[in-house]
């Protein structure tokens, strides 16, 4: 079953269970997926859906930080609940050690020698690790690997 079909089934389950938080979050995800399909006139595959989920989680993280700095824990809790619902649709994330090893392998494959090659390395890393790793950690690992 594709990830898109799984999300659709989960929405139906949330409707039947009257789980308003889960239902609302899945509807936001479905709307984002539909928007991408309409804008680009494509049928989304699992990789594209994972990218959308990643984007929505990043938005939630930013919102949580903003709400907590404004002393609005009630709103931060809502965003955290939505993040938990969205994280179900992400594949198992790589650990920091696995990210470092993958980045070193890619740096060797690309033949990068210094910080000037960061764009070339990040392009290769994004295609291989998209959805599997937090890109913030990946970027830090690439910088560390390219720093003499």
Protein backbone atom coordinates (compact mmCIF):
# COMPACT_ATOMS: atom_id res chain seq x y z
CA UNK A 1 0.00 0.00 0.00
CA UNK A 2 1.39 3.37 -0.94
CA UNK A 3 1.93 6.02 1.70
CA UNK A 4 -0.74 8.19 0.09
CA UNK A 5 -3.30 5.36 0.36
CA UNK A 6 -2.25 4.70 3.95
CA UNK A 7 -2.86 8.36 4.85
CA UNK A 8 -6.29 8.21 3.23
CA UNK A 9 -7.18 5.08 5.21
CA UNK A 10 -5.91 6.69 8.42
CA UNK A 11 -8.17 9.68 7.76
CA UNK A 12 -11.19 7.39 7.49
CA UNK A 13 -10.19 5.62 10.70
CA UNK A 14 -9.79 8.95 12.50
CA UNK A 15 -13.25 10.01 11.29
CA UNK A 16 -14.83 6.82 12.62
CA UNK A 17 -12.99 7.19 15.94
CA UNK A 18 -13.94 10.88 16.16
CA UNK A 19 -10.28 11.71 16.84
CA UNK A 20 -10.39 15.42 16.01
CA UNK A 21 -6.67 16.16 16.46
CA UNK A 22 -5.58 13.28 14.24
CA UNK A 23 -8.31 13.99 11.69
CA UNK A 24 -7.44 17.69 11.46
CA UNK A 25 -3.75 16.98 11.05
CA UNK A 26 -4.33 14.35 8.37
CA UNK A 27 -6.65 16.74 6.53
CA UNK A 28 -3.89 19.38 6.55
CA UNK A 29 -1.50 16.79 5.13
CA UNK A 30 -4.00 15.70 2.47
CA UNK A 31 -4.57 19.34 1.49
CA UNK A 32 -0.82 19.93 1.15
CA UNK A 33 -0.50 16.80 -0.98
CA UNK A 34 -3.42 17.79 -3.20
CA UNK A 35 -2.01 21.30 -3.60
CA UNK A 36 1.32 19.90 -4.77
CA UNK A 37 -0.41 17.57 -7.23
CA UNK A 38 -2.52 20.38 -8.66
CA UNK A 39 0.34 22.88 -8.84
CA UNK A 40 2.75 20.52 -10.55
CA UNK A 41 0.20 18.32 -12.35
CA UNK A 42 1.81 15.13 -11.09
CA UNK A 43 0.81 12.06 -9.12
CA UNK A 44 2.79 12.01 -5.86
CA UNK A 45 4.93 9.01 -5.04
CA UNK A 46 6.07 8.03 -1.54
CA UNK A 47 9.23 10.14 -1.76
CA UNK A 48 7.25 13.29 -2.56
CA UNK A 49 4.77 12.57 0.24
CA UNK A 50 7.65 12.12 2.71
CA UNK A 51 9.08 15.47 1.58
CA UNK A 52 5.71 17.12 2.27
CA UNK A 53 5.49 15.49 5.71
CA UNK A 54 9.05 16.67 6.44
CA UNK A 55 8.10 20.21 5.47
CA UNK A 56 4.99 20.17 7.67
CA UNK A 57 6.98 18.84 10.64
CA UNK A 58 9.58 21.57 10.18
CA UNK A 59 6.80 24.16 10.17
CA UNK A 60 5.44 22.68 13.41
CA UNK A 61 8.89 22.79 15.04
CA UNK A 62 9.28 26.45 14.11
CA UNK A 63 5.81 27.20 15.48
CA UNK A 64 6.54 25.40 18.75
CA UNK A 65 9.70 27.48 19.22
CA UNK A 66 7.80 30.70 18.51
CA UNK A 67 4.92 29.80 20.85
CA UNK A 68 7.25 28.77 23.65
CA UNK A 69 9.24 31.99 23.38
CA UNK A 70 5.94 33.88 23.59
CA UNK A 71 4.89 31.84 26.68
CA UNK A 72 1.96 30.22 24.85
CA UNK A 73 2.37 26.62 25.91
CA UNK A 74 -1.27 25.87 25.05
CA UNK A 75 -0.61 26.59 21.37
CA UNK A 76 2.76 24.81 21.48
CA UNK A 77 1.02 21.68 22.81
CA UNK A 78 -1.35 21.69 19.82
CA UNK A 79 1.60 21.88 17.41
CA UNK A 80 3.43 19.10 19.27
CA UNK A 81 0.35 16.87 19.02
CA UNK A 82 0.21 17.51 15.27
CA UNK A 83 3.92 16.68 14.96
CA UNK A 84 3.34 13.29 16.63
CA UNK A 85 0.60 12.49 14.12
CA UNK A 86 2.81 13.49 11.17
CA UNK A 87 5.90 11.62 12.39
CA UNK A 88 4.05 8.32 11.91
CA UNK A 89 4.36 8.78 8.14
CA UNK A 90 8.12 9.22 8.11
CA UNK A 91 10.46 6.26 7.58
CA UNK A 92 12.89 5.27 10.31
CA UNK A 93 15.42 8.06 10.68
CA UNK A 94 19.16 7.48 10.46
CA UNK A 95 21.28 7.99 13.57
CA UNK A 96 24.01 10.64 13.72
CA UNK A 97 26.68 7.98 13.17
CA UNK A 98 24.87 6.57 10.14
CA UNK A 99 24.49 10.08 8.70
CA UNK A 100 28.20 10.77 9.18
CA UNK A 101 29.16 7.48 7.51
CA UNK A 102 26.80 8.10 4.57
CA UNK A 103 28.12 11.65 4.11
CA UNK A 104 31.74 10.46 4.12
CA UNK A 105 30.91 7.84 1.50
CA UNK A 106 29.20 10.42 -0.69
CA UNK A 107 32.08 12.89 -0.28
CA UNK A 108 34.46 10.17 -1.48
CA UNK A 109 32.19 9.26 -4.42
CA UNK A 110 31.84 12.87 -5.54
CA UNK A 111 35.54 13.57 -5.04
CA UNK A 112 34.92 16.68 -2.94
CA UNK A 113 37.99 18.22 -1.37
CA UNK A 114 36.88 21.36 0.46
CA UNK A 115 34.09 23.73 1.44
CA UNK A 116 33.77 24.92 -2.17
CA UNK A 117 32.32 21.52 -3.10
CA UNK A 118 29.48 21.73 -0.58
CA UNK A 119 26.80 22.33 -3.23
CA UNK A 120 27.90 19.32 -5.23
CA UNK A 121 27.91 17.10 -2.11
CA UNK A 122 24.55 18.39 -0.83
CA UNK A 123 22.95 17.65 -4.21
CA UNK A 124 24.10 14.04 -4.02
CA UNK A 125 23.20 13.75 -0.34
CA UNK A 126 19.67 15.04 -0.87
CA UNK A 127 18.92 12.43 -3.50
CA UNK A 128 20.24 9.56 -1.36
CA UNK A 129 19.08 10.60 2.13
CA UNK A 130 15.84 12.48 1.40
CA UNK A 131 13.27 11.50 4.00
CA UNK A 132 15.69 9.20 5.78
CA UNK A 133 17.53 11.84 7.78
CA UNK A 134 17.06 15.30 9.26
CA UNK A 135 18.59 17.57 6.64
CA UNK A 136 19.86 19.95 9.35
CA UNK A 137 22.02 17.15 10.77
CA UNK A 138 23.06 16.16 7.25
CA UNK A 139 24.16 19.71 6.44
CA UNK A 140 26.22 19.87 9.64
CA UNK A 141 27.85 16.51 8.81
CA UNK A 142 28.71 17.72 5.28
CA UNK A 143 30.26 20.92 6.64
CA UNK A 144 32.32 18.89 9.13
CA UNK A 145 33.43 16.41 6.45
CA UNK A 146 34.53 19.19 4.07
CA UNK A 147 36.36 21.27 6.67
CA UNK A 148 40.09 20.54 6.60
